[in-house]
Amino acid sequence: MTEIDEDFWDNRYKSQNTGWDIGKISTPLKTYFDQLTDKSLKILIPGGGNSYEAEYLFNQGFKNVFVIDISLTALSNLQKRIPKFPKNQLIHSNFFELNDSFDLIIEQTFFCAIPPKQRSNYALKTSELLKSKGKLVGLLFNVPLYDDRPPFGGNKDEYCFCFKPYFKIEIIELSYNSILSRKNHELFIKFIKK
């Protein structure tokens, strides 16, 4: 298996080898964000990459948005696009080493970048980072994809097994408003910390 470390991801961003990056916020997440009314929510986007989600939220008045990524290039790309985005809310670190607490964690192509053997660690860590009744919301691929490199796919049963120890599964269903290339290939999730 390819070594999936900081250099791996930073080189992907430097070479713009980012096939998962659609260049804008995804429709399912935009639709979800548009119904949020509490602009004070403390939001984390792990493995945020170029993070069009953070850009959208910030431009909509959510000023308590944090992005963590192991790639400094990805975070720099976001800072260049949104110079007013607070630098202290762009965290260059490993998600699994973060210590903080959030109301909402957004999942957008980070989970599929994690080797499957680490998925239970992700479920535990998101639970630890969320405040009481905090939410994990986003998208998970609903296709097998690759075994030896990201993106690693999966399915509803696998995800439920992984997250149920820590979360109430409120929604896990095919996303009705995915972009065309991901139609019928991703699940919209809304999990509430137990």
N, C-alpha and C. Protein backbone atom coordinates (compact mmCIF):
# COMPACT_ATOMS: atom_id res chain seq x y z
N MET A 1 0.84 -1.19 0.00
CA MET A 1 0.00 0.00 0.00
C MET A 1 0.89 1.25 0.00
N THR A 2 0.45 2.27 -0.69
CA THR A 2 1.14 3.55 -0.73
C THR A 2 1.23 4.14 0.68
N GLU A 3 2.36 4.79 1.00
CA GLU A 3 2.50 5.48 2.29
C GLU A 3 1.64 6.75 2.24
N ILE A 4 0.61 6.78 3.07
CA ILE A 4 -0.34 7.90 3.06
C ILE A 4 0.01 8.80 4.24
N ASP A 5 0.91 9.76 3.98
CA ASP A 5 1.40 10.63 5.03
C ASP A 5 1.32 12.08 4.58
N GLU A 6 1.93 12.97 5.34
CA GLU A 6 1.88 14.40 5.02
C GLU A 6 2.45 14.69 3.63
N ASP A 7 3.58 14.08 3.29
CA ASP A 7 4.18 14.31 1.97
C ASP A 7 3.25 13.84 0.85
N PHE A 8 2.62 12.69 1.05
CA PHE A 8 1.68 12.16 0.05
C PHE A 8 0.60 13.20 -0.26
N TRP A 9 -0.04 13.72 0.79
CA TRP A 9 -1.14 14.67 0.57
C TRP A 9 -0.64 16.02 0.08
N ASP A 10 0.47 16.49 0.62
CA ASP A 10 0.97 17.79 0.19
C ASP A 10 1.36 17.75 -1.29
N ASN A 11 1.97 16.66 -1.70
CA ASN A 11 2.34 16.51 -3.12
C ASN A 11 1.11 16.47 -4.02
N ARG A 12 0.02 15.85 -3.53
CA ARG A 12 -1.22 15.83 -4.32
C ARG A 12 -1.73 17.25 -4.56
N TYR A 13 -1.68 18.08 -3.53
CA TYR A 13 -2.15 19.47 -3.68
C TYR A 13 -1.18 20.30 -4.53
N LYS A 14 0.11 20.10 -4.34
CA LYS A 14 1.10 20.85 -5.14
C LYS A 14 0.96 20.54 -6.62
N SER A 15 0.70 19.27 -6.95
CA SER A 15 0.58 18.86 -8.35
C SER A 15 -0.86 18.99 -8.87
N GLN A 16 -1.75 19.45 -8.01
CA GLN A 16 -3.18 19.57 -8.32
C GLN A 16 -3.78 18.24 -8.77
N ASN A 17 -3.26 17.16 -8.18
CA ASN A 17 -3.78 15.81 -8.41
C ASN A 17 -4.88 15.56 -7.38
N THR A 18 -5.98 16.28 -7.56
CA THR A 18 -7.06 16.29 -6.57
C THR A 18 -8.39 15.98 -7.26
N GLY A 19 -8.51 14.77 -7.74
CA GLY A 19 -9.71 14.38 -8.48
C GLY A 19 -11.00 14.47 -7.69
N TRP A 20 -10.91 14.43 -6.37
CA TRP A 20 -12.10 14.53 -5.52
C TRP A 20 -12.61 15.97 -5.42
N ASP A 21 -11.75 16.92 -5.78
CA ASP A 21 -12.04 18.34 -5.59
C ASP A 21 -12.92 18.83 -6.74
N ILE A 22 -14.16 19.22 -6.43
CA ILE A 22 -15.08 19.64 -7.49
C ILE A 22 -15.04 21.16 -7.74
N GLY A 23 -14.18 21.85 -6.99
CA GLY A 23 -13.97 23.28 -7.25
C GLY A 23 -15.03 24.20 -6.66
N LYS A 24 -15.94 23.63 -5.89
CA LYS A 24 -17.00 24.41 -5.25
C LYS A 24 -17.61 23.56 -4.15
N ILE A 25 -18.47 24.17 -3.37
CA ILE A 25 -19.16 23.41 -2.33
C ILE A 25 -20.11 22.41 -2.98
N SER A 26 -20.22 21.23 -2.40
CA SER A 26 -21.14 20.24 -2.96
C SER A 26 -22.58 20.62 -2.61
N THR A 27 -23.50 20.28 -3.50
CA THR A 27 -24.91 20.65 -3.32
C THR A 27 -25.51 20.12 -2.02
N PRO A 28 -25.28 18.86 -1.64
CA PRO A 28 -25.88 18.39 -0.39
C PRO A 28 -25.44 19.20 0.83
N LEU A 29 -24.16 19.58 0.88
CA LEU A 29 -23.69 20.35 2.03
C LEU A 29 -24.20 21.79 1.98
N LYS A 30 -24.24 22.38 0.81
CA LYS A 30 -24.80 23.73 0.68
C LYS A 30 -26.25 23.74 1.16
N THR A 31 -27.01 22.75 0.74
CA THR A 31 -28.42 22.65 1.16
C THR A 31 -28.52 22.53 2.67
N TYR A 32 -27.66 21.72 3.27
CA TYR A 32 -27.67 21.57 4.73
C TYR A 32 -27.28 22.89 5.41
N PHE A 33 -26.22 23.52 4.94
CA PHE A 33 -25.76 24.77 5.56
C PHE A 33 -26.83 25.86 5.46
N ASP A 34 -27.53 25.88 4.35
CA ASP A 34 -28.53 26.93 4.13
C ASP A 34 -29.69 26.88 5.13
N GLN A 35 -29.88 25.76 5.80
CA GLN A 35 -30.95 25.69 6.79
C GLN A 35 -30.45 25.91 8.22
N LEU A 36 -29.13 26.11 8.39
CA LEU A 36 -28.58 26.40 9.71
C LEU A 36 -28.85 27.86 10.06
N THR A 37 -29.31 28.11 11.26
CA THR A 37 -29.62 29.49 11.66
C THR A 37 -28.68 30.03 12.74
N ASP A 38 -28.01 29.16 13.47
CA ASP A 38 -27.13 29.59 14.56
C ASP A 38 -25.72 29.84 14.03
N LYS A 39 -25.41 31.11 13.77
CA LYS A 39 -24.11 31.47 13.18
C LYS A 39 -22.96 31.34 14.17
N SER A 40 -23.28 31.09 15.45
CA SER A 40 -22.22 30.96 16.45
C SER A 40 -21.71 29.52 16.58
N LEU A 41 -22.30 28.58 15.85
CA LEU A 41 -21.86 27.19 15.93
C LEU A 41 -20.34 27.09 15.72
N LYS A 42 -19.71 26.28 16.53
CA LYS A 42 -18.29 26.01 16.34
C LYS A 42 -18.18 24.76 15.47
N ILE A 43 -17.63 24.95 14.27
CA ILE A 43 -17.66 23.92 13.23
C ILE A 43 -16.24 23.51 12.86
N LEU A 44 -16.04 22.21 12.72
CA LEU A 44 -14.75 21.66 12.28
C LEU A 44 -14.93 20.94 10.95
N ILE A 45 -14.00 21.20 10.04
CA ILE A 45 -13.95 20.46 8.78
C ILE A 45 -12.60 19.73 8.75
N PRO A 46 -12.62 18.42 9.09
CA PRO A 46 -11.36 17.68 9.11
C PRO A 46 -10.93 17.25 7.71
N GLY A 47 -9.61 17.25 7.50
CA GLY A 47 -9.09 16.92 6.18
C GLY A 47 -9.72 17.82 5.14
N GLY A 48 -9.84 19.09 5.49
CA GLY A 48 -10.63 20.04 4.71
C GLY A 48 -10.11 20.34 3.32
N GLY A 49 -8.83 20.10 3.07
CA GLY A 49 -8.29 20.38 1.74
C GLY A 49 -8.52 21.83 1.33
N ASN A 50 -8.96 22.03 0.11
CA ASN A 50 -9.24 23.38 -0.38
C ASN A 50 -10.49 23.98 0.25
N SER A 51 -11.28 23.17 0.88
CA SER A 51 -12.39 23.54 1.76
C SER A 51 -13.31 24.65 1.26
N TYR A 52 -13.98 24.35 0.18
CA TYR A 52 -15.01 25.26 -0.32
C TYR A 52 -16.16 25.35 0.68
N GLU A 53 -16.29 24.34 1.52
CA GLU A 53 -17.31 24.34 2.57
C GLU A 53 -17.00 25.44 3.59
N ALA A 54 -15.73 25.53 4.01
CA ALA A 54 -15.33 26.57 4.96
C ALA A 54 -15.52 27.95 4.34
N GLU A 55 -15.17 28.08 3.08
CA GLU A 55 -15.33 29.35 2.38
C GLU A 55 -16.80 29.76 2.34
N TYR A 56 -17.67 28.83 2.00
CA TYR A 56 -19.10 29.12 1.92
C TYR A 56 -19.64 29.53 3.29
N LEU A 57 -19.33 28.74 4.31
CA LEU A 57 -19.80 29.05 5.65
C LEU A 57 -19.31 30.42 6.11
N PHE A 58 -18.03 30.69 5.91
CA PHE A 58 -17.44 31.96 6.33
C PHE A 58 -18.14 33.13 5.63
N ASN A 59 -18.38 32.98 4.33
CA ASN A 59 -19.05 34.04 3.58
C ASN A 59 -20.52 34.21 3.96
N GLN A 60 -21.10 33.18 4.60
CA GLN A 60 -22.49 33.26 5.06
C GLN A 60 -22.58 33.77 6.50
N GLY A 61 -21.44 34.15 7.08
CA GLY A 61 -21.45 34.74 8.41
C GLY A 61 -21.10 33.80 9.55
N PHE A 62 -20.73 32.57 9.24
CA PHE A 62 -20.27 31.63 10.27
C PHE A 62 -18.77 31.91 10.50
N LYS A 63 -18.45 32.53 11.61
CA LYS A 63 -17.06 32.97 11.85
C LYS A 63 -16.30 32.02 12.78
N ASN A 64 -16.95 30.95 13.20
CA ASN A 64 -16.35 30.02 14.14
C ASN A 64 -16.09 28.67 13.45
N VAL A 65 -15.53 28.76 12.23
CA VAL A 65 -15.26 27.58 11.40
C VAL A 65 -13.77 27.29 11.44
N PHE A 66 -13.44 26.02 11.69
CA PHE A 66 -12.06 25.58 11.77
C PHE A 66 -11.82 24.50 10.71
N VAL A 67 -10.65 24.57 10.09
CA VAL A 67 -10.25 23.56 9.10
C VAL A 67 -8.95 22.95 9.58
N ILE A 68 -8.91 21.63 9.62
CA ILE A 68 -7.65 20.95 9.95
C ILE A 68 -7.25 20.10 8.76
N ASP A 69 -5.97 20.18 8.41
CA ASP A 69 -5.46 19.37 7.32
C ASP A 69 -3.98 19.12 7.55
N ILE A 70 -3.52 17.97 7.10
CA ILE A 70 -2.12 17.60 7.23
C ILE A 70 -1.28 18.27 6.13
N SER A 71 -1.96 18.78 5.09
CA SER A 71 -1.28 19.44 3.97
C SER A 71 -1.24 20.95 4.16
N LEU A 72 -0.04 21.48 4.30
CA LEU A 72 0.13 22.93 4.42
C LEU A 72 -0.26 23.62 3.12
N THR A 73 -0.01 22.98 1.99
CA THR A 73 -0.38 23.56 0.69
C THR A 73 -1.89 23.75 0.60
N ALA A 74 -2.66 22.76 1.04
CA ALA A 74 -4.12 22.88 1.00
C ALA A 74 -4.58 24.07 1.85
N LEU A 75 -4.04 24.19 3.05
CA LEU A 75 -4.42 25.30 3.93
C LEU A 75 -4.01 26.65 3.33
N SER A 76 -2.84 26.68 2.69
CA SER A 76 -2.38 27.92 2.03
C SER A 76 -3.31 28.30 0.88
N ASN A 77 -3.79 27.30 0.15
CA ASN A 77 -4.73 27.56 -0.95
C ASN A 77 -5.98 28.24 -0.42
N LEU A 78 -6.48 27.75 0.70
CA LEU A 78 -7.68 28.33 1.31
C LEU A 78 -7.40 29.75 1.79
N GLN A 79 -6.25 29.96 2.42
CA GLN A 79 -5.89 31.30 2.92
C GLN A 79 -5.77 32.30 1.76
N LYS A 80 -5.23 31.86 0.64
CA LYS A 80 -5.10 32.76 -0.53
C LYS A 80 -6.47 33.13 -1.09
N ARG A 81 -7.39 32.18 -1.11
CA ARG A 81 -8.74 32.45 -1.63
C ARG A 81 -9.54 33.35 -0.69
N ILE A 82 -9.33 33.18 0.62
CA ILE A 82 -10.09 33.95 1.62
C ILE A 82 -9.10 34.59 2.59
N PRO A 83 -8.46 35.69 2.19
CA PRO A 83 -7.45 36.30 3.06
C PRO A 83 -7.98 36.69 4.44
N LYS A 84 -9.27 36.94 4.57
CA LYS A 84 -9.84 37.35 5.87
C LYS A 84 -10.12 36.15 6.79
N PHE A 85 -10.00 34.94 6.27
CA PHE A 85 -10.23 33.77 7.12
C PHE A 85 -9.17 33.75 8.21
N PRO A 86 -9.57 33.64 9.48
CA PRO A 86 -8.59 33.71 10.58
C PRO A 86 -7.54 32.59 10.49
N LYS A 87 -6.27 33.00 10.50
CA LYS A 87 -5.17 32.03 10.38
C LYS A 87 -5.18 31.01 11.51
N ASN A 88 -5.61 31.46 12.70
CA ASN A 88 -5.60 30.52 13.84
C ASN A 88 -6.72 29.48 13.74
N GLN A 89 -7.60 29.61 12.74
CA GLN A 89 -8.65 28.62 12.52
C GLN A 89 -8.29 27.66 11.37
N LEU A 90 -7.08 27.82 10.84
CA LEU A 90 -6.53 26.89 9.86
C LEU A 90 -5.44 26.10 10.59
N ILE A 91 -5.74 24.85 10.87
CA ILE A 91 -4.89 24.04 11.74
C ILE A 91 -4.09 23.04 10.90
N HIS A 92 -2.76 23.22 10.90
CA HIS A 92 -1.88 22.30 10.18
C HIS A 92 -1.46 21.21 11.16
N SER A 93 -2.19 20.10 11.13
CA SER A 93 -1.94 19.03 12.09
C SER A 93 -2.65 17.76 11.65
N ASN A 94 -2.37 16.71 12.36
CA ASN A 94 -3.04 15.44 12.16
C ASN A 94 -4.36 15.47 12.95
N PHE A 95 -5.45 15.19 12.27
CA PHE A 95 -6.78 15.18 12.89
C PHE A 95 -6.81 14.39 14.19
N PHE A 96 -6.13 13.26 14.22
CA PHE A 96 -6.18 12.36 15.37
C PHE A 96 -5.44 12.93 16.59
N GLU A 97 -4.70 14.03 16.39
CA GLU A 97 -3.97 14.65 17.50
C GLU A 97 -4.66 15.93 17.99
N LEU A 98 -5.79 16.29 17.41
CA LEU A 98 -6.49 17.52 17.77
C LEU A 98 -7.19 17.37 19.12
N ASN A 99 -7.08 18.41 19.93
CA ASN A 99 -7.80 18.46 21.21
C ASN A 99 -8.59 19.75 21.26
N ASP A 100 -9.88 19.66 21.16
CA ASP A 100 -10.77 20.82 21.16
C ASP A 100 -12.19 20.29 21.27
N SER A 101 -13.18 21.16 21.17
CA SER A 101 -14.56 20.67 21.14
C SER A 101 -15.38 21.52 20.19
N PHE A 102 -16.33 20.86 19.52
CA PHE A 102 -17.10 21.47 18.44
C PHE A 102 -18.57 21.09 18.56
N ASP A 103 -19.41 21.95 17.97
CA ASP A 103 -20.84 21.66 17.90
C ASP A 103 -21.16 20.78 16.70
N LEU A 104 -20.36 20.94 15.64
CA LEU A 104 -20.65 20.29 14.36
C LEU A 104 -19.35 19.94 13.67
N ILE A 105 -19.26 18.71 13.18
CA ILE A 105 -18.13 18.29 12.35
C ILE A 105 -18.69 17.93 10.98
N ILE A 106 -18.05 18.46 9.95
CA ILE A 106 -18.49 18.25 8.57
C ILE A 106 -17.60 17.22 7.90
N GLU A 107 -18.21 16.20 7.35
CA GLU A 107 -17.49 15.14 6.63
C GLU A 107 -17.66 15.33 5.12
N GLN A 108 -16.53 15.58 4.46
CA GLN A 108 -16.54 15.75 3.00
C GLN A 108 -15.23 15.20 2.45
N THR A 109 -15.22 13.96 2.02
CA THR A 109 -14.07 13.26 1.42
C THR A 109 -12.86 13.13 2.33
N PHE A 110 -13.04 13.20 3.65
CA PHE A 110 -11.93 12.92 4.56
C PHE A 110 -11.97 11.45 4.99
N PHE A 111 -13.13 10.98 5.35
CA PHE A 111 -13.28 9.60 5.81
C PHE A 111 -12.76 8.62 4.76
N CYS A 112 -13.02 8.88 3.49
CA CYS A 112 -12.59 7.97 2.42
C CYS A 112 -11.08 8.02 2.19
N ALA A 113 -10.39 9.02 2.78
CA ALA A 113 -8.95 9.13 2.65
C ALA A 113 -8.21 8.36 3.74
N ILE A 114 -8.96 7.94 4.75
CA ILE A 114 -8.37 7.23 5.88
C ILE A 114 -8.38 5.73 5.58
N PRO A 115 -7.24 5.05 5.76
CA PRO A 115 -7.24 3.60 5.57
C PRO A 115 -8.35 2.95 6.41
N PRO A 116 -9.08 2.00 5.84
CA PRO A 116 -10.22 1.39 6.54
C PRO A 116 -9.92 0.89 7.95
N LYS A 117 -8.70 0.42 8.20
CA LYS A 117 -8.37 -0.07 9.55
C LYS A 117 -8.39 1.03 10.60
N GLN A 118 -8.37 2.31 10.16
CA GLN A 118 -8.40 3.44 11.09
C GLN A 118 -9.81 4.03 11.27
N ARG A 119 -10.79 3.47 10.59
CA ARG A 119 -12.12 4.07 10.61
C ARG A 119 -12.76 4.08 11.99
N SER A 120 -12.55 3.04 12.76
CA SER A 120 -13.13 3.05 14.11
C SER A 120 -12.47 4.13 14.96
N ASN A 121 -11.18 4.41 14.71
CA ASN A 121 -10.49 5.50 15.40
C ASN A 121 -11.11 6.85 15.03
N TYR A 122 -11.49 7.00 13.76
CA TYR A 122 -12.14 8.23 13.30
C TYR A 122 -13.48 8.41 14.01
N ALA A 123 -14.27 7.35 14.09
CA ALA A 123 -15.57 7.43 14.75
C ALA A 123 -15.40 7.83 16.21
N LEU A 124 -14.45 7.23 16.89
CA LEU A 124 -14.17 7.57 18.28
C LEU A 124 -13.70 9.02 18.41
N LYS A 125 -12.76 9.42 17.55
CA LYS A 125 -12.20 10.77 17.64
C LYS A 125 -13.26 11.83 17.37
N THR A 126 -14.11 11.64 16.37
CA THR A 126 -15.15 12.63 16.11
C THR A 126 -16.08 12.74 17.32
N SER A 127 -16.37 11.61 17.94
CA SER A 127 -17.21 11.62 19.14
C SER A 127 -16.53 12.41 20.26
N GLU A 128 -15.23 12.19 20.44
CA GLU A 128 -14.49 12.90 21.50
C GLU A 128 -14.45 14.40 21.24
N LEU A 129 -14.38 14.80 19.98
CA LEU A 129 -14.27 16.23 19.64
C LEU A 129 -15.61 16.97 19.69
N LEU A 130 -16.70 16.22 19.67
CA LEU A 130 -18.02 16.86 19.68
C LEU A 130 -18.51 17.12 21.10
N LYS A 131 -19.17 18.26 21.26
CA LYS A 131 -19.84 18.58 22.52
C LYS A 131 -21.03 17.64 22.68
N SER A 132 -21.63 17.64 23.84
CA SER A 132 -22.82 16.83 24.09
C SER A 132 -23.89 17.14 23.03
N LYS A 133 -24.44 16.12 22.43
CA LYS A 133 -25.45 16.22 21.37
C LYS A 133 -24.90 16.86 20.09
N GLY A 134 -23.58 16.95 19.97
CA GLY A 134 -22.96 17.47 18.76
C GLY A 134 -23.25 16.57 17.57
N LYS A 135 -23.08 17.12 16.37
CA LYS A 135 -23.46 16.39 15.16
C LYS A 135 -22.27 16.19 14.23
N LEU A 136 -22.26 15.03 13.59
CA LEU A 136 -21.37 14.72 12.48
C LEU A 136 -22.27 14.66 11.25
N VAL A 137 -22.04 15.57 10.30
CA VAL A 137 -22.90 15.68 9.12
C VAL A 137 -22.03 15.71 7.87
N GLY A 138 -22.49 15.05 6.82
CA GLY A 138 -21.74 15.13 5.58
C GLY A 138 -22.08 14.01 4.63
N LEU A 139 -21.06 13.61 3.88
CA LEU A 139 -21.23 12.63 2.81
C LEU A 139 -20.18 11.53 2.92
N LEU A 140 -20.63 10.30 2.67
CA LEU A 140 -19.74 9.14 2.61
C LEU A 140 -19.99 8.42 1.30
N PHE A 141 -18.92 7.95 0.67
CA PHE A 141 -19.09 7.20 -0.57
C PHE A 141 -19.82 5.89 -0.33
N ASN A 142 -20.69 5.53 -1.26
CA ASN A 142 -21.49 4.31 -1.17
C ASN A 142 -21.11 3.36 -2.31
N VAL A 143 -19.80 3.24 -2.53
CA VAL A 143 -19.25 2.38 -3.59
C VAL A 143 -17.94 1.76 -3.07
N PRO A 144 -17.51 0.63 -3.63
CA PRO A 144 -16.29 -0.02 -3.13
C PRO A 144 -15.00 0.79 -3.30
N LEU A 145 -14.78 1.42 -4.46
CA LEU A 145 -13.57 2.19 -4.76
C LEU A 145 -12.31 1.34 -4.62
N TYR A 146 -11.23 1.86 -3.99
CA TYR A 146 -9.93 1.18 -4.00
C TYR A 146 -9.61 0.48 -2.69
N ASP A 147 -8.75 -0.55 -2.76
CA ASP A 147 -8.30 -1.26 -1.56
C ASP A 147 -6.91 -0.81 -1.12
N ASP A 148 -6.10 -0.29 -2.06
CA ASP A 148 -4.69 -0.03 -1.78
C ASP A 148 -4.33 1.45 -1.70
N ARG A 149 -5.28 2.34 -2.00
CA ARG A 149 -5.00 3.77 -1.95
C ARG A 149 -6.33 4.52 -1.86
N PRO A 150 -6.27 5.77 -1.40
CA PRO A 150 -7.52 6.54 -1.35
C PRO A 150 -8.01 6.89 -2.76
N PRO A 151 -9.30 7.06 -2.94
CA PRO A 151 -10.33 6.98 -1.92
C PRO A 151 -10.75 5.54 -1.63
N PHE A 152 -10.93 5.26 -0.35
CA PHE A 152 -11.42 3.97 0.10
C PHE A 152 -12.94 4.08 0.24
N GLY A 153 -13.64 3.20 -0.40
CA GLY A 153 -15.10 3.27 -0.38
C GLY A 153 -15.69 2.53 0.80
N GLY A 154 -16.96 2.22 0.65
CA GLY A 154 -17.66 1.51 1.70
C GLY A 154 -19.15 1.50 1.44
N ASN A 155 -19.90 1.07 2.44
CA ASN A 155 -21.35 1.00 2.29
C ASN A 155 -22.04 1.28 3.62
N LYS A 156 -23.32 1.41 3.55
CA LYS A 156 -24.14 1.79 4.70
C LYS A 156 -23.94 0.86 5.90
N ASP A 157 -23.94 -0.45 5.66
CA ASP A 157 -23.80 -1.41 6.77
C ASP A 157 -22.46 -1.23 7.49
N GLU A 158 -21.38 -1.07 6.71
CA GLU A 158 -20.06 -0.87 7.31
C GLU A 158 -20.05 0.39 8.17
N TYR A 159 -20.61 1.47 7.63
CA TYR A 159 -20.61 2.74 8.34
C TYR A 159 -21.43 2.67 9.62
N CYS A 160 -22.59 2.06 9.54
CA CYS A 160 -23.43 1.93 10.75
C CYS A 160 -22.69 1.16 11.83
N PHE A 161 -22.04 0.08 11.44
CA PHE A 161 -21.28 -0.73 12.40
C PHE A 161 -20.19 0.11 13.07
N CYS A 162 -19.53 0.93 12.28
CA CYS A 162 -18.41 1.74 12.75
C CYS A 162 -18.87 2.86 13.70
N PHE A 163 -19.97 3.51 13.36
CA PHE A 163 -20.38 4.72 14.10
C PHE A 163 -21.37 4.46 15.24
N LYS A 164 -22.13 3.36 15.18
CA LYS A 164 -23.18 3.12 16.17
C LYS A 164 -22.70 3.11 17.62
N PRO A 165 -21.48 2.68 17.93
CA PRO A 165 -21.06 2.72 19.34
C PRO A 165 -21.02 4.14 19.93
N TYR A 166 -20.87 5.14 19.07
CA TYR A 166 -20.66 6.51 19.55
C TYR A 166 -21.76 7.49 19.18
N PHE A 167 -22.58 7.11 18.19
CA PHE A 167 -23.55 8.05 17.64
C PHE A 167 -24.93 7.43 17.49
N LYS A 168 -25.94 8.29 17.61
CA LYS A 168 -27.29 7.94 17.19
C LYS A 168 -27.33 8.22 15.69
N ILE A 169 -27.67 7.21 14.90
CA ILE A 169 -27.72 7.36 13.44
C ILE A 169 -29.07 7.98 13.09
N GLU A 170 -29.10 9.28 12.90
CA GLU A 170 -30.35 9.94 12.57
C GLU A 170 -30.68 9.85 11.08
N ILE A 171 -29.67 10.07 10.24
CA ILE A 171 -29.85 9.96 8.78
C ILE A 171 -28.63 9.27 8.19
N ILE A 172 -28.87 8.28 7.34
CA ILE A 172 -27.84 7.71 6.47
C ILE A 172 -28.60 7.16 5.27
N GLU A 173 -28.63 7.96 4.21
CA GLU A 173 -29.42 7.61 3.03
C GLU A 173 -28.77 8.17 1.78
N LEU A 174 -29.11 7.58 0.64
CA LEU A 174 -28.59 8.09 -0.61
C LEU A 174 -28.90 9.58 -0.72
N SER A 175 -27.90 10.34 -1.08
CA SER A 175 -28.08 11.78 -1.23
C SER A 175 -28.92 12.04 -2.47
N TYR A 176 -30.03 12.76 -2.29
CA TYR A 176 -30.94 13.01 -3.42
C TYR A 176 -30.43 14.13 -4.33
N ASN A 177 -29.49 14.95 -3.85
CA ASN A 177 -29.05 16.11 -4.62
C ASN A 177 -27.55 16.13 -4.87
N SER A 178 -26.95 14.94 -5.00
CA SER A 178 -25.52 14.85 -5.32
C SER A 178 -25.25 15.44 -6.70
N ILE A 179 -24.00 15.86 -6.90
CA ILE A 179 -23.61 16.28 -8.25
C ILE A 179 -23.70 15.06 -9.16
N LEU A 180 -23.85 15.29 -10.44
CA LEU A 180 -24.11 14.21 -11.40
C LEU A 180 -23.08 13.07 -11.31
N SER A 181 -21.79 13.41 -11.22
CA SER A 181 -20.76 12.36 -11.21
C SER A 181 -20.80 11.50 -9.94
N ARG A 182 -21.50 11.97 -8.90
CA ARG A 182 -21.58 11.19 -7.65
C ARG A 182 -23.00 10.70 -7.37
N LYS A 183 -23.89 10.91 -8.30
CA LYS A 183 -25.28 10.50 -8.11
C LYS A 183 -25.35 8.99 -7.85
N ASN A 184 -26.09 8.62 -6.82
CA ASN A 184 -26.24 7.23 -6.38
C ASN A 184 -24.96 6.60 -5.85
N HIS A 185 -23.93 7.43 -5.62
CA HIS A 185 -22.65 6.92 -5.12
C HIS A 185 -22.26 7.51 -3.77
N GLU A 186 -23.15 8.32 -3.17
CA GLU A 186 -22.80 8.85 -1.86
C GLU A 186 -24.01 8.91 -0.95
N LEU A 187 -23.73 8.74 0.31
CA LEU A 187 -24.75 8.77 1.35
C LEU A 187 -24.65 10.08 2.13
N PHE A 188 -25.80 10.69 2.36
CA PHE A 188 -25.83 11.85 3.26
C PHE A 188 -26.00 11.31 4.67
N ILE A 189 -25.19 11.82 5.59
CA ILE A 189 -25.25 11.35 6.97
C ILE A 189 -25.50 12.50 7.94
N LYS A 190 -26.24 12.18 8.98
CA LYS A 190 -26.40 13.08 10.12
C LYS A 190 -26.42 12.18 11.35
N PHE A 191 -25.32 12.21 12.09
CA PHE A 191 -25.16 11.40 13.29
C PHE A 191 -25.08 12.33 14.49
N ILE A 192 -25.72 11.95 15.59
CA ILE A 192 -25.73 12.76 16.80
C ILE A 192 -24.96 12.01 17.90
N LYS A 193 -24.03 12.70 18.52
CA LYS A 193 -23.22 12.09 19.56
C LYS A 193 -24.11 11.54 20.68
N LYS A 194 -23.83 10.31 21.09
CA LYS A 194 -24.59 9.70 22.20
C LYS A 194 -24.21 10.33 23.52
